[in-house]
Amino acid sequence: MADMVHGYAAVSGRPGRILEVPLLGGFGKAMREGTLLATPEAERGRQTFQQWLWRFSGGAA
């Protein structure tokens, strides 16, 4: 997640300090365990975050 935030900050022109903090509680646990991921049967898009970031930046990422 931190890499994604750093990439977004770079192309959006919003540099600054990015702090990584652990997510506590049930939501954090579900994220760490993969509970929130789509099942294999789910319909998924094909665009990666890197592809989206490239388009967001106007092809300059």
PDB file of N, CA and C in Angstrom:
ATOM      1  N   MET A   1       0.817  -1.177   0.000  1.00  0.00           N
ATOM      2  CA  MET A   1       0.000   0.000   0.000  1.00  0.00           C
ATOM      3  C   MET A   1       0.870   1.252   0.000  1.00  0.00           C
ATOM      4  N   ALA A   2       1.954   1.236   0.753  1.00  0.00           N
ATOM      5  CA  ALA A   2       2.820   2.414   0.818  1.00  0.00           C
ATOM      6  C   ALA A   2       3.394   2.739  -0.561  1.00  0.00           C
ATOM      7  N   ASP A   3       3.774   1.726  -1.322  1.00  0.00           N
ATOM      8  CA  ASP A   3       4.302   1.962  -2.667  1.00  0.00           C
ATOM      9  C   ASP A   3       3.250   2.629  -3.553  1.00  0.00           C
ATOM     10  N   MET A   4       2.004   2.212  -3.419  1.00  0.00           N
ATOM     11  CA  MET A   4       0.931   2.813  -4.201  1.00  0.00           C
ATOM     12  C   MET A   4       0.743   4.280  -3.825  1.00  0.00           C
ATOM     13  N   VAL A   5       0.787   4.578  -2.551  1.00  0.00           N
ATOM     14  CA  VAL A   5       0.609   5.954  -2.092  1.00  0.00           C
ATOM     15  C   VAL A   5       1.771   6.822  -2.562  1.00  0.00           C
ATOM     16  N   HIS A   6       2.984   6.304  -2.485  1.00  0.00           N
ATOM     17  CA  HIS A   6       4.151   7.053  -2.962  1.00  0.00           C
ATOM     18  C   HIS A   6       4.029   7.330  -4.465  1.00  0.00           C
ATOM     19  N   GLY A   7       3.603   6.342  -5.235  1.00  0.00           N
ATOM     20  CA  GLY A   7       3.424   6.531  -6.674  1.00  0.00           C
ATOM     21  C   GLY A   7       2.376   7.580  -6.982  1.00  0.00           C
ATOM     22  N   TYR A   8       1.254   7.524  -6.284  1.00  0.00           N
ATOM     23  CA  TYR A   8       0.189   8.500  -6.486  1.00  0.00           C
ATOM     24  C   TYR A   8       0.674   9.900  -6.105  1.00  0.00           C
ATOM     25  N   ALA A   9       1.359  10.014  -4.992  1.00  0.00           N
ATOM     26  CA  ALA A   9       1.857  11.316  -4.547  1.00  0.00           C
ATOM     27  C   ALA A   9       2.815  11.909  -5.573  1.00  0.00           C
ATOM     28  N   ALA A  10       3.645  11.077  -6.158  1.00  0.00           N
ATOM     29  CA  ALA A  10       4.618  11.564  -7.131  1.00  0.00           C
ATOM     30  C   ALA A  10       3.946  12.118  -8.378  1.00  0.00           C
ATOM     31  N   VAL A  11       2.960  11.414  -8.926  1.00  0.00           N
ATOM     32  CA  VAL A  11       2.342  11.868 -10.181  1.00  0.00           C
ATOM     33  C   VAL A  11       1.267  12.923  -9.968  1.00  0.00           C
ATOM     34  N   SER A  12       0.742  13.030  -8.764  1.00  0.00           N
ATOM     35  CA  SER A  12      -0.302  14.027  -8.514  1.00  0.00           C
ATOM     36  C   SER A  12       0.280  15.366  -8.072  1.00  0.00           C
ATOM     37  N   GLY A  13       1.597  15.411  -7.904  1.00  0.00           N
ATOM     38  CA  GLY A  13       2.218  16.650  -7.480  1.00  0.00           C
ATOM     39  C   GLY A  13       1.960  16.986  -6.029  1.00  0.00           C
ATOM     40  N   ARG A  14       1.741  15.976  -5.233  1.00  0.00           N
ATOM     41  CA  ARG A  14       1.472  16.179  -3.810  1.00  0.00           C
ATOM     42  C   ARG A  14       2.551  15.504  -2.978  1.00  0.00           C
ATOM     43  N   PRO A  15       3.766  16.001  -3.088  1.00  0.00           N
ATOM     44  CA  PRO A  15       4.829  15.383  -2.296  1.00  0.00           C
ATOM     45  C   PRO A  15       4.629  15.692  -0.819  1.00  0.00           C
ATOM     46  N   GLY A  16       5.208  14.924  -0.025  1.00  0.00           N
ATOM     47  CA  GLY A  16       5.093  15.142   1.412  1.00  0.00           C
ATOM     48  C   GLY A  16       5.450  13.871   2.143  1.00  0.00           C
ATOM     49  N   ARG A  17       5.419  13.954   3.412  1.00  0.00           N
ATOM     50  CA  ARG A  17       5.753  12.802   4.245  1.00  0.00           C
ATOM     51  C   ARG A  17       4.590  11.818   4.240  1.00  0.00           C
ATOM     52  N   ILE A  18       4.911  10.566   4.023  1.00  0.00           N
ATOM     53  CA  ILE A  18       3.899   9.509   4.034  1.00  0.00           C
ATOM     54  C   ILE A  18       4.251   8.553   5.167  1.00  0.00           C
ATOM     55  N   LEU A  19       3.369   8.454   6.111  1.00  0.00           N
ATOM     56  CA  LEU A  19       3.601   7.597   7.267  1.00  0.00           C
ATOM     57  C   LEU A  19       2.877   6.274   7.102  1.00  0.00           C
ATOM     58  N   GLU A  20       3.585   5.217   7.384  1.00  0.00           N
ATOM     59  CA  GLU A  20       2.960   3.892   7.375  1.00  0.00           C
ATOM     60  C   GLU A  20       2.551   3.552   8.805  1.00  0.00           C
ATOM     61  N   VAL A  21       1.293   3.243   8.986  1.00  0.00           N
ATOM     62  CA  VAL A  21       0.800   2.862  10.305  1.00  0.00           C
ATOM     63  C   VAL A  21       0.020   1.560  10.180  1.00  0.00           C
ATOM     64  N   PRO A  22       0.148   0.672  11.143  1.00  0.00           N
ATOM     65  CA  PRO A  22      -0.608  -0.571  11.093  1.00  0.00           C
ATOM     66  C   PRO A  22      -2.087  -0.311  11.339  1.00  0.00           C
ATOM     67  N   LEU A  23      -2.920  -1.053  10.644  1.00  0.00           N
ATOM     68  CA  LEU A  23      -4.364  -0.969  10.880  1.00  0.00           C
ATOM     69  C   LEU A  23      -4.715  -1.955  11.985  1.00  0.00           C
ATOM     70  N   LEU A  24      -5.254  -1.434  13.035  1.00  0.00           N
ATOM     71  CA  LEU A  24      -5.592  -2.266  14.184  1.00  0.00           C
ATOM     72  C   LEU A  24      -7.036  -2.729  14.111  1.00  0.00           C
ATOM     73  N   GLY A  25      -7.391  -3.621  14.969  1.00  0.00           N
ATOM     74  CA  GLY A  25      -8.771  -4.069  15.091  1.00  0.00           C
ATOM     75  C   GLY A  25      -9.177  -5.061  14.017  1.00  0.00           C
ATOM     76  N   GLY A  26     -10.483  -5.274  13.934  1.00  0.00           N
ATOM     77  CA  GLY A  26     -11.038  -6.271  13.022  1.00  0.00           C
ATOM     78  C   GLY A  26     -10.777  -5.960  11.565  1.00  0.00           C
ATOM     79  N   PHE A  27     -10.851  -4.682  11.180  1.00  0.00           N
ATOM     80  CA  PHE A  27     -10.622  -4.307   9.788  1.00  0.00           C
ATOM     81  C   PHE A  27      -9.175  -4.578   9.389  1.00  0.00           C
ATOM     82  N   GLY A  28      -8.239  -4.194  10.235  1.00  0.00           N
ATOM     83  CA  GLY A  28      -6.831  -4.444   9.963  1.00  0.00           C
ATOM     84  C   GLY A  28      -6.533  -5.936   9.871  1.00  0.00           C
ATOM     85  N   LYS A  29      -7.129  -6.697  10.758  1.00  0.00           N
ATOM     86  CA  LYS A  29      -6.936  -8.147  10.742  1.00  0.00           C
ATOM     87  C   LYS A  29      -7.484  -8.751   9.446  1.00  0.00           C
ATOM     88  N   ALA A  30      -8.654  -8.303   9.029  1.00  0.00           N
ATOM     89  CA  ALA A  30      -9.243  -8.809   7.792  1.00  0.00           C
ATOM     90  C   ALA A  30      -8.367  -8.467   6.586  1.00  0.00           C
ATOM     91  N   MET A  31      -7.789  -7.283   6.578  1.00  0.00           N
ATOM     92  CA  MET A  31      -6.898  -6.910   5.474  1.00  0.00           C
ATOM     93  C   MET A  31      -5.649  -7.776   5.478  1.00  0.00           C
ATOM     94  N   ARG A  32      -5.045  -7.961   6.633  1.00  0.00           N
ATOM     95  CA  ARG A  32      -3.824  -8.773   6.723  1.00  0.00           C
ATOM     96  C   ARG A  32      -4.075 -10.213   6.318  1.00  0.00           C
ATOM     97  N   GLU A  33      -5.244 -10.758   6.657  1.00  0.00           N
ATOM     98  CA  GLU A  33      -5.546 -12.156   6.361  1.00  0.00           C
ATOM     99  C   GLU A  33      -6.083 -12.374   4.954  1.00  0.00           C
ATOM    100  N   GLY A  34      -6.375 -11.294   4.236  1.00  0.00           N
ATOM    101  CA  GLY A  34      -6.888 -11.432   2.874  1.00  0.00           C
ATOM    102  C   GLY A  34      -8.390 -11.644   2.811  1.00  0.00           C
ATOM    103  N   THR A  35      -9.072 -11.489   3.933  1.00  0.00           N
ATOM    104  CA  THR A  35     -10.520 -11.703   3.988  1.00  0.00           C
ATOM    105  C   THR A  35     -11.276 -10.766   3.051  1.00  0.00           C
ATOM    106  N   LEU A  36     -10.739  -9.577   2.808  1.00  0.00           N
ATOM    107  CA  LEU A  36     -11.431  -8.576   2.009  1.00  0.00           C
ATOM    108  C   LEU A  36     -11.171  -8.721   0.504  1.00  0.00           C
ATOM    109  N   LEU A  37     -10.368  -9.690   0.117  1.00  0.00           N
ATOM    110  CA  LEU A  37     -10.083  -9.903  -1.300  1.00  0.00           C
ATOM    111  C   LEU A  37     -11.269 -10.568  -1.994  1.00  0.00           C
ATOM    112  N   ALA A  38     -11.395 -10.292  -3.268  1.00  0.00           N
ATOM    113  CA  ALA A  38     -12.463 -10.920  -4.058  1.00  0.00           C
ATOM    114  C   ALA A  38     -12.210 -12.427  -4.163  1.00  0.00           C
ATOM    115  N   THR A  39     -13.285 -13.166  -4.261  1.00  0.00           N
ATOM    116  CA  THR A  39     -13.155 -14.613  -4.427  1.00  0.00           C
ATOM    117  C   THR A  39     -12.719 -14.919  -5.854  1.00  0.00           C
ATOM    118  N   PRO A  40     -12.225 -16.129  -6.110  1.00  0.00           N
ATOM    119  CA  PRO A  40     -11.812 -16.472  -7.475  1.00  0.00           C
ATOM    120  C   PRO A  40     -12.941 -16.349  -8.497  1.00  0.00           C
ATOM    121  N   GLU A  41     -14.196 -16.485  -8.057  1.00  0.00           N
ATOM    122  CA  GLU A  41     -15.338 -16.413  -8.972  1.00  0.00           C
ATOM    123  C   GLU A  41     -15.766 -14.971  -9.274  1.00  0.00           C
ATOM    124  N   ALA A  42     -15.244 -14.010  -8.564  1.00  0.00           N
ATOM    125  CA  ALA A  42     -15.672 -12.609  -8.716  1.00  0.00           C
ATOM    126  C   ALA A  42     -15.258 -12.052 -10.078  1.00  0.00           C
ATOM    127  N   GLU A  43     -16.079 -11.147 -10.595  1.00  0.00           N
ATOM    128  CA  GLU A  43     -15.717 -10.443 -11.815  1.00  0.00           C
ATOM    129  C   GLU A  43     -14.689  -9.383 -11.450  1.00  0.00           C
ATOM    130  N   ARG A  44     -13.611  -9.350 -12.198  1.00  0.00           N
ATOM    131  CA  ARG A  44     -12.535  -8.417 -11.907  1.00  0.00           C
ATOM    132  C   ARG A  44     -12.191  -7.605 -13.138  1.00  0.00           C
ATOM    133  N   GLY A  45     -11.714  -6.417 -12.891  1.00  0.00           N
ATOM    134  CA  GLY A  45     -11.215  -5.593 -13.982  1.00  0.00           C
ATOM    135  C   GLY A  45      -9.841  -6.074 -14.414  1.00  0.00           C
ATOM    136  N   ARG A  46      -9.342  -5.517 -15.493  1.00  0.00           N
ATOM    137  CA  ARG A  46      -8.047  -5.945 -15.994  1.00  0.00           C
ATOM    138  C   ARG A  46      -6.973  -4.869 -15.840  1.00  0.00           C
ATOM    139  N   GLN A  47      -7.365  -3.671 -15.502  1.00  0.00           N
ATOM    140  CA  GLN A  47      -6.405  -2.583 -15.389  1.00  0.00           C
ATOM    141  C   GLN A  47      -5.675  -2.671 -14.054  1.00  0.00           C
ATOM    142  N   THR A  48      -4.355  -2.603 -14.098  1.00  0.00           N
ATOM    143  CA  THR A  48      -3.561  -2.623 -12.873  1.00  0.00           C
ATOM    144  C   THR A  48      -3.481  -1.215 -12.303  1.00  0.00           C
ATOM    145  N   PHE A  49      -3.030  -1.103 -11.075  1.00  0.00           N
ATOM    146  CA  PHE A  49      -2.855   0.213 -10.480  1.00  0.00           C
ATOM    147  C   PHE A  49      -1.803   0.999 -11.259  1.00  0.00           C
ATOM    148  N   GLN A  50      -0.740   0.335 -11.680  1.00  0.00           N
ATOM    149  CA  GLN A  50       0.298   1.018 -12.457  1.00  0.00           C
ATOM    150  C   GLN A  50      -0.255   1.568 -13.764  1.00  0.00           C
ATOM    151  N   GLN A  51      -1.101   0.817 -14.431  1.00  0.00           N
ATOM    152  CA  GLN A  51      -1.726   1.300 -15.669  1.00  0.00           C
ATOM    153  C   GLN A  51      -2.629   2.497 -15.381  1.00  0.00           C
ATOM    154  N   TRP A  52      -3.402   2.420 -14.318  1.00  0.00           N
ATOM    155  CA  TRP A  52      -4.270   3.534 -13.956  1.00  0.00           C
ATOM    156  C   TRP A  52      -3.440   4.775 -13.622  1.00  0.00           C
ATOM    157  N   LEU A  53      -2.371   4.587 -12.867  1.00  0.00           N
ATOM    158  CA  LEU A  53      -1.512   5.692 -12.478  1.00  0.00           C
ATOM    159  C   LEU A  53      -0.897   6.355 -13.706  1.00  0.00           C
ATOM    160  N   TRP A  54      -0.477   5.548 -14.671  1.00  0.00           N
ATOM    161  CA  TRP A  54       0.096   6.072 -15.906  1.00  0.00           C
ATOM    162  C   TRP A  54      -0.931   6.928 -16.645  1.00  0.00           C
ATOM    163  N   ARG A  55      -2.160   6.437 -16.752  1.00  0.00           N
ATOM    164  CA  ARG A  55      -3.211   7.218 -17.424  1.00  0.00           C
ATOM    165  C   ARG A  55      -3.570   8.467 -16.620  1.00  0.00           C
ATOM    166  N   PHE A  56      -3.629   8.347 -15.316  1.00  0.00           N
ATOM    167  CA  PHE A  56      -3.925   9.483 -14.443  1.00  0.00           C
ATOM    168  C   PHE A  56      -2.896  10.594 -14.628  1.00  0.00           C
ATOM    169  N   SER A  57      -1.640  10.194 -14.794  1.00  0.00           N
ATOM    170  CA  SER A  57      -0.561  11.170 -14.907  1.00  0.00           C
ATOM    171  C   SER A  57      -0.427  11.723 -16.325  1.00  0.00           C
ATOM    172  N   GLY A  58      -1.270  11.277 -17.225  1.00  0.00           N
ATOM    173  CA  GLY A  58      -1.149  11.730 -18.614  1.00  0.00           C
ATOM    174  C   GLY A  58      -0.024  11.029 -19.344  1.00  0.00           C
ATOM    175  N   GLY A  59       0.345   9.855 -18.857  1.00  0.00           N
ATOM    176  CA  GLY A  59       1.401   9.075 -19.505  1.00  0.00           C
ATOM    177  C   GLY A  59       2.801   9.459 -19.072  1.00  0.00           C
ATOM    178  N   ALA A  60       2.905  10.187 -17.976  1.00  0.00           N
ATOM    179  CA  ALA A  60       4.208  10.655 -17.541  1.00  0.00           C
ATOM    180  C   ALA A  60       4.741   9.905 -16.318  1.00  0.00           C
ATOM    181  N   ALA A  61       4.037   8.878 -15.885  1.00  0.00           N
ATOM    182  CA  ALA A  61       4.470   8.168 -14.683  1.00  0.00           C
ATOM    183  C   ALA A  61       5.601   7.212 -14.978  1.00  0.00           C
TER     184      ALA A  61
END
